[in-house]
Amino acid sequence: MLKPLPSSPSPNPAVPALDAEALGRLTALDPLGESRLLERVLNAFQASAARLAPQLEAGRSAADWNAVGLVAHTLKSSSASIGALALSALCAQVEAAVRLGATTGLDADIFAMAAELDLALKAIERVLRERSA
């Protein structure tokens, strides 16, 4: 997975990586937890991120902006659905830049996106640990 550049802005620690309201909406779809919907959705996101992070790095290092844009597009909606709103916003920003051909200096945004993805994955781990306890 990409690691943030030392000069890239660090994500705001005061902003939670996962929005409680979004997680609450997912939980409300399975109020008794019988289907383990939240856990399944979070596990699916983890699996998707494990596939997409290397694709993001490969696209960035090869300046394959179409690949970067595809990863950003894919992560944009899935991250919003689990409440990783900061990640979703960064993905939208990267996707728009690629679509507009504004790729000069895009590395910093990609590294910020990777850093936010890392925060979201750590938050997912915490949620899953709490739910299994």
C-alpha atoms as a PDB file:
ATOM      1  CA  MET A   1       0.000   0.000   0.000  1.00  0.00           C
ATOM      2  CA  LEU A   2       1.146   3.536  -0.650  1.00  0.00           C
ATOM      3  CA  LYS A   3       2.550   5.332   2.322  1.00  0.00           C
ATOM      4  CA  PRO A   4       2.038   9.087   2.623  1.00  0.00           C
ATOM      5  CA  LEU A   5       4.888  11.283   1.547  1.00  0.00           C
ATOM      6  CA  PRO A   6       6.479  13.218   4.410  1.00  0.00           C
ATOM      7  CA  SER A   7       5.413  16.445   2.694  1.00  0.00           C
ATOM      8  CA  SER A   8       1.837  15.323   2.064  1.00  0.00           C
ATOM      9  CA  PRO A   9      -0.810  16.668   4.391  1.00  0.00           C
ATOM     10  CA  SER A  10      -1.732  14.226   7.117  1.00  0.00           C
ATOM     11  CA  PRO A  11      -5.401  13.416   7.530  1.00  0.00           C
ATOM     12  CA  ASN A  12      -7.174  15.368  10.245  1.00  0.00           C
ATOM     13  CA  PRO A  13      -7.151  13.183  13.388  1.00  0.00           C
ATOM     14  CA  ALA A  14     -10.126  15.133  14.773  1.00  0.00           C
ATOM     15  CA  VAL A  15     -12.296  13.775  11.939  1.00  0.00           C
ATOM     16  CA  PRO A  16     -13.260  10.137  12.470  1.00  0.00           C
ATOM     17  CA  ALA A  17     -12.291   7.780   9.639  1.00  0.00           C
ATOM     18  CA  LEU A  18     -15.807   6.258   9.660  1.00  0.00           C
ATOM     19  CA  ASP A  19     -18.978   8.289  10.026  1.00  0.00           C
ATOM     20  CA  ALA A  20     -21.147   6.959  12.871  1.00  0.00           C
ATOM     21  CA  GLU A  21     -24.372   7.853  11.048  1.00  0.00           C
ATOM     22  CA  ALA A  22     -23.397   5.825   7.984  1.00  0.00           C
ATOM     23  CA  LEU A  23     -22.496   2.856  10.176  1.00  0.00           C
ATOM     24  CA  GLY A  24     -25.801   3.328  11.985  1.00  0.00           C
ATOM     25  CA  ARG A  25     -27.710   3.176   8.692  1.00  0.00           C
ATOM     26  CA  LEU A  26     -26.014  -0.095   7.830  1.00  0.00           C
ATOM     27  CA  THR A  27     -26.733  -1.471  11.289  1.00  0.00           C
ATOM     28  CA  ALA A  28     -30.394  -0.437  10.994  1.00  0.00           C
ATOM     29  CA  LEU A  29     -30.760  -2.650   7.933  1.00  0.00           C
ATOM     30  CA  ASP A  30     -29.995  -5.650  10.168  1.00  0.00           C
ATOM     31  CA  PRO A  31     -31.105  -4.452  13.621  1.00  0.00           C
ATOM     32  CA  LEU A  32     -30.725  -7.818  15.350  1.00  0.00           C
ATOM     33  CA  GLY A  33     -27.438  -8.568  13.654  1.00  0.00           C
ATOM     34  CA  GLU A  34     -28.691 -11.932  12.454  1.00  0.00           C
ATOM     35  CA  SER A  35     -27.340 -11.448   8.942  1.00  0.00           C
ATOM     36  CA  ARG A  36     -24.132  -9.835  10.184  1.00  0.00           C
ATOM     37  CA  LEU A  37     -24.657  -7.256   7.441  1.00  0.00           C
ATOM     38  CA  LEU A  38     -22.297  -4.646   8.846  1.00  0.00           C
ATOM     39  CA  GLU A  39     -19.509  -7.173   9.270  1.00  0.00           C
ATOM     40  CA  ARG A  40     -20.045  -8.532   5.746  1.00  0.00           C
ATOM     41  CA  VAL A  41     -20.003  -5.056   4.202  1.00  0.00           C
ATOM     42  CA  LEU A  42     -16.868  -4.057   6.115  1.00  0.00           C
ATOM     43  CA  ASN A  43     -15.133  -7.328   5.208  1.00  0.00           C
ATOM     44  CA  ALA A  44     -16.043  -6.799   1.541  1.00  0.00           C
ATOM     45  CA  PHE A  45     -14.554  -3.302   1.698  1.00  0.00           C
ATOM     46  CA  GLN A  46     -11.337  -4.692   3.195  1.00  0.00           C
ATOM     47  CA  ALA A  47     -11.083  -7.301   0.423  1.00  0.00           C
ATOM     48  CA  SER A  48     -11.723  -4.682  -2.243  1.00  0.00           C
ATOM     49  CA  ALA A  49      -9.146  -2.326  -0.740  1.00  0.00           C
ATOM     50  CA  ALA A  50      -6.582  -5.137  -0.675  1.00  0.00           C
ATOM     51  CA  ARG A  51      -7.036  -5.523  -4.445  1.00  0.00           C
ATOM     52  CA  LEU A  52      -7.262  -1.815  -5.261  1.00  0.00           C
ATOM     53  CA  ALA A  53      -4.334  -0.425  -3.222  1.00  0.00           C
ATOM     54  CA  PRO A  54      -1.688  -2.209  -5.333  1.00  0.00           C
ATOM     55  CA  GLN A  55      -3.500  -1.107  -8.500  1.00  0.00           C
ATOM     56  CA  LEU A  56      -3.417   2.483  -7.253  1.00  0.00           C
ATOM     57  CA  GLU A  57       0.322   2.310  -6.586  1.00  0.00           C
ATOM     58  CA  ALA A  58       1.021   0.636  -9.939  1.00  0.00           C
ATOM     59  CA  GLY A  59      -1.038   3.252 -11.758  1.00  0.00           C
ATOM     60  CA  ARG A  60       0.640   6.122  -9.914  1.00  0.00           C
ATOM     61  CA  SER A  61       4.173   4.863 -10.429  1.00  0.00           C
ATOM     62  CA  ALA A  62       3.550   4.188 -14.148  1.00  0.00           C
ATOM     63  CA  ALA A  63       1.626   7.456 -14.628  1.00  0.00           C
ATOM     64  CA  ASP A  64      -1.302   5.317 -15.825  1.00  0.00           C
ATOM     65  CA  TRP A  65      -3.919   7.900 -14.958  1.00  0.00           C
ATOM     66  CA  ASN A  66      -6.772   5.796 -16.347  1.00  0.00           C
ATOM     67  CA  ALA A  67      -5.925   3.071 -13.823  1.00  0.00           C
ATOM     68  CA  VAL A  68      -5.683   5.657 -11.030  1.00  0.00           C
ATOM     69  CA  GLY A  69      -9.028   7.137 -12.048  1.00  0.00           C
ATOM     70  CA  LEU A  70     -10.679   3.720 -12.109  1.00  0.00           C
ATOM     71  CA  VAL A  71      -9.417   2.908  -8.598  1.00  0.00           C
ATOM     72  CA  ALA A  72     -10.551   6.309  -7.337  1.00  0.00           C
ATOM     73  CA  HIS A  73     -13.988   5.833  -8.922  1.00  0.00           C
ATOM     74  CA  THR A  74     -14.380   2.354  -7.446  1.00  0.00           C
ATOM     75  CA  LEU A  75     -13.336   3.425  -3.952  1.00  0.00           C
ATOM     76  CA  LYS A  76     -15.408   6.627  -4.037  1.00  0.00           C
ATOM     77  CA  SER A  77     -18.834   5.040  -3.685  1.00  0.00           C
ATOM     78  CA  SER A  78     -17.825   2.048  -1.577  1.00  0.00           C
ATOM     79  CA  SER A  79     -16.040   4.264   0.933  1.00  0.00           C
ATOM     80  CA  ALA A  80     -19.050   6.581   1.142  1.00  0.00           C
ATOM     81  CA  SER A  81     -21.324   3.616   1.823  1.00  0.00           C
ATOM     82  CA  ILE A  82     -19.311   2.579   4.897  1.00  0.00           C
ATOM     83  CA  GLY A  83     -18.937   6.135   6.149  1.00  0.00           C
ATOM     84  CA  ALA A  84     -15.349   6.779   5.081  1.00  0.00           C
ATOM     85  CA  LEU A  85     -16.416  10.228   3.933  1.00  0.00           C
ATOM     86  CA  ALA A  86     -12.977  11.863   3.873  1.00  0.00           C
ATOM     87  CA  LEU A  87     -11.703   8.985   1.736  1.00  0.00           C
ATOM     88  CA  SER A  88     -14.687   9.288  -0.583  1.00  0.00           C
ATOM     89  CA  ALA A  89     -14.040  13.017  -1.015  1.00  0.00           C
ATOM     90  CA  LEU A  90     -10.362  12.437  -1.821  1.00  0.00           C
ATOM     91  CA  CYS A  91     -11.316   9.734  -4.315  1.00  0.00           C
ATOM     92  CA  ALA A  92     -13.760  12.133  -5.989  1.00  0.00           C
ATOM     93  CA  GLN A  93     -11.031  14.768  -6.159  1.00  0.00           C
ATOM     94  CA  VAL A  94      -8.525  12.366  -7.748  1.00  0.00           C
ATOM     95  CA  GLU A  95     -11.134  10.986 -10.140  1.00  0.00           C
ATOM     96  CA  ALA A  96     -12.120  14.491 -11.270  1.00  0.00           C
ATOM     97  CA  ALA A  97      -8.485  15.512 -11.768  1.00  0.00           C
ATOM     98  CA  VAL A  98      -7.860  12.461 -13.938  1.00  0.00           C
ATOM     99  CA  ARG A  99     -11.025  13.073 -15.946  1.00  0.00           C
ATOM    100  CA  LEU A 100      -9.952  16.687 -16.561  1.00  0.00           C
ATOM    101  CA  GLY A 101      -6.373  15.675 -17.404  1.00  0.00           C
ATOM    102  CA  ALA A 102      -5.066  17.706 -14.459  1.00  0.00           C
ATOM    103  CA  THR A 103      -2.509  15.100 -13.440  1.00  0.00           C
ATOM    104  CA  THR A 104       0.478  17.360 -12.755  1.00  0.00           C
ATOM    105  CA  GLY A 105       1.136  17.168  -9.035  1.00  0.00           C
ATOM    106  CA  LEU A 106      -1.499  14.471  -8.524  1.00  0.00           C
ATOM    107  CA  ASP A 107       0.929  12.315  -6.528  1.00  0.00           C
ATOM    108  CA  ALA A 108       0.259  14.305  -3.341  1.00  0.00           C
ATOM    109  CA  ASP A 109      -3.495  13.717  -3.659  1.00  0.00           C
ATOM    110  CA  ILE A 110      -2.936  10.036  -4.334  1.00  0.00           C
ATOM    111  CA  PHE A 111      -0.711   9.727  -1.260  1.00  0.00           C
ATOM    112  CA  ALA A 112      -3.365  11.549   0.812  1.00  0.00           C
ATOM    113  CA  MET A 113      -5.975   9.138  -0.544  1.00  0.00           C
ATOM    114  CA  ALA A 114      -3.772   6.169   0.415  1.00  0.00           C
ATOM    115  CA  ALA A 115      -3.261   7.598   3.912  1.00  0.00           C
ATOM    116  CA  GLU A 116      -7.000   8.054   4.377  1.00  0.00           C
ATOM    117  CA  LEU A 117      -7.610   4.511   3.097  1.00  0.00           C
ATOM    118  CA  ASP A 118      -5.164   3.263   5.731  1.00  0.00           C
ATOM    119  CA  LEU A 119      -7.068   5.173   8.442  1.00  0.00           C
ATOM    120  CA  ALA A 120     -10.384   3.760   7.222  1.00  0.00           C
ATOM    121  CA  LEU A 121      -9.015   0.208   7.263  1.00  0.00           C
ATOM    122  CA  LYS A 122      -7.738   0.668  10.824  1.00  0.00           C
ATOM    123  CA  ALA A 123     -11.144   2.015  11.872  1.00  0.00           C
ATOM    124  CA  ILE A 124     -12.824  -0.977  10.236  1.00  0.00           C
ATOM    125  CA  GLU A 125     -10.578  -3.298  12.236  1.00  0.00           C
ATOM    126  CA  ARG A 126     -11.619  -1.524  15.448  1.00  0.00           C
ATOM    127  CA  VAL A 127     -15.320  -1.803  14.568  1.00  0.00           C
ATOM    128  CA  LEU A 128     -14.987  -5.495  13.722  1.00  0.00           C
ATOM    129  CA  ARG A 129     -13.068  -6.190  16.949  1.00  0.00           C
ATOM    130  CA  GLU A 130     -15.714  -4.382  19.009  1.00  0.00           C
ATOM    131  CA  ARG A 131     -18.545  -6.282  17.342  1.00  0.00           C
ATOM    132  CA  SER A 132     -16.886  -9.650  17.905  1.00  0.00           C
ATOM    133  CA  ALA A 133     -16.168  -8.971  21.581  1.00  0.00           C
END
